[in-house]
Amino acid sequence: MREPNCTRIVPAKNLWEIAIEFLEQIDDKLMEFNLKYAFITYKLCKIEKVPNKDIKKLVFLSCFNDVGKLYARDNATTTEIETYLFLKYFSPLKGNASLILFETKKNKYNYTGDTSKLYLARSFTKYLLQYNSKELALNAVMVEKDKYAYQDLIALNKLVLKIDLFYELNSMHYKTIVYKYISKMIFSNRERNKFFTMLSSLFEMYSLQTLYHSKVTAIVAYKISKKMKLKNTRCKKIYVAALAHDLGKVKIPLKILEKPDKLTDREYSTMKKHVTYTKDLLRNKMDYDIIEIAYRHHERLDGSGYPNKYSKTDLTLDQQILQVSDVISALIAKRSYKDAWSIDKTIEVLDASVEKNQFSKEIVGCFKKNQSKILKAANKIIVQADKIYDRINKERLSLTSMINQE
C-alpha cells in the first residue's frame, strides 16, 4: 500500500523543528553544536553566494551532523557511518547523505565542492568553541588549509572579519537565524513526504524494541478510518497523529523502554508520562486535533485509561480509532517482554475490551470485518522496513571494510 500524502496536513518546517527538538531531548549539547554548525554553514554559503537549493541541503546536513551518535548500538561502527546511513535511508536528502562521509572517503585530505564547505564549517565551529577566539579558530583551520577549496577559505576569512560570531553564538541569535531560514525553505513533494518517514523513524532508531510500531499503528489507524468512511483529511490527521504518538518516549529511560520483564509500579508511572511529553513536543507544530489524538491514545471509554481518565463523552471517534490501532499494533508485534500474538488472540483481547466498555464496538467490528486487508497493509510495511534494515546492515559492513582496508 502506498502511504498517504500528508504534506498539506503539517508543514515540512514544523516536522523539521519536531525532529530537532526530539534529538535535543537525547543529547542537547550535540544538537547545540549542530545548530551552531548550521549557522556557520549558512553564513559561509551566503558570503560565497551559493545557490539557495544548495544552501538548503548543506544547512540540513549540518543540523543532523553526527546524529548517528545518538543511535549507537552494539553493531554501530563509526558515528559518521551511522549518521550517513540514517540520512540516506530516513531523511529527505538521500542523494546528498554521502557529503558527510569526511573520514570514510579514501581521498580525505583534499575536499572539494560541497564537502569542502561542510567540513570547513564544521572544523571552524569546533575550533571556535574550543579556543573561544575566532582568530585562533581561523589559524587552526589555516594550518590544515590544504584540505579545503581555496574559495571556501576566502569566504571564511570574510566571515570572520564581517560578523561578530561570539555575539551571534552566545546570544542564541544563531538558532533564530537557522530556524528562520528553515521556515523559508521550499521542499519538493518527495522531500515533504520523506519528512513523515523520518519523524517516525527517529524514535524507532532510538528504541529498537518498538521497531515499526508507529508506522504499523499509522497504517492500521488509516485503514480503519478509511473503512469507516471518514473524510480524507480526518484520515490523514489520524495517520499523522499515529506516526507521532510515541515520540514523547524519548524522555523515558531506555532501561524502562527496553526492560524484558514487567515494569514495577514506579517504572510504569514513569512510562505513562510519555503521552504528556509527546503533547509538549508537538505543541504549536501540529493542529490541536492531531495533538489531542496522539495525546489521548491511552485513554479508554470507561475512564480507566491515562493520563486524565477521560471517558467516552470526552473522546472523539478519531481518538478512539488510534486507541484501538495502537493496541492492535502492539499485540501483533514482538516486544522485549513478549512474542508476537496471533490474530485470533489479538481479537480475543479486543472483544474483551469491548465487553468492558474500554473500546468502541463499532471500531473493533470494522477491524474484524476488514482484518485481512488491514493486516496485509501492515505486514507490507514490516516487510519493506526489514528490507531497508537489511540494506543498512550490508552497507554498514561495506563502509567498515573500506575503512579497515585503508
Foldseek 3Di string as FASTA:
>chain_A
DDDDQCCVQFPLLLLVLLLLVLLCLQPVVVQLLLLLLLLLLLQLCVLLVPDPVLNVVLSVCSNLPLVQVLLDDPLDDDSLLSSLLCCLQQALPVVCSCLSPQPLDPPNLADDDSSQSSVLSSQLSVLCVVVVDSVRSLVVCVVSVNSHDPSSNVSSVVVNVPDPSVCCSVVVVSVVVSSVSSVPDDDDSSRSRSSLSNSLVSVCSNAVQCHLLLVLLLLLLLVLCVLVVDDPSLSSLLSSLSSQLQSLCSNQDNCLVAPQADDDPVSVVSNQCSLVSSLVSCPPRGDPVSNVLSSCLQEFQCQPGDDGSDHPVVDDPSSLSSNLSSQLSVQQPCGSHGHHDDPVVSLVVVVVCVVVRGHDPVSSVSCVVCVVVSVVVSVVSVVVVVVSVVVSSVVSVVSVVSVVVD
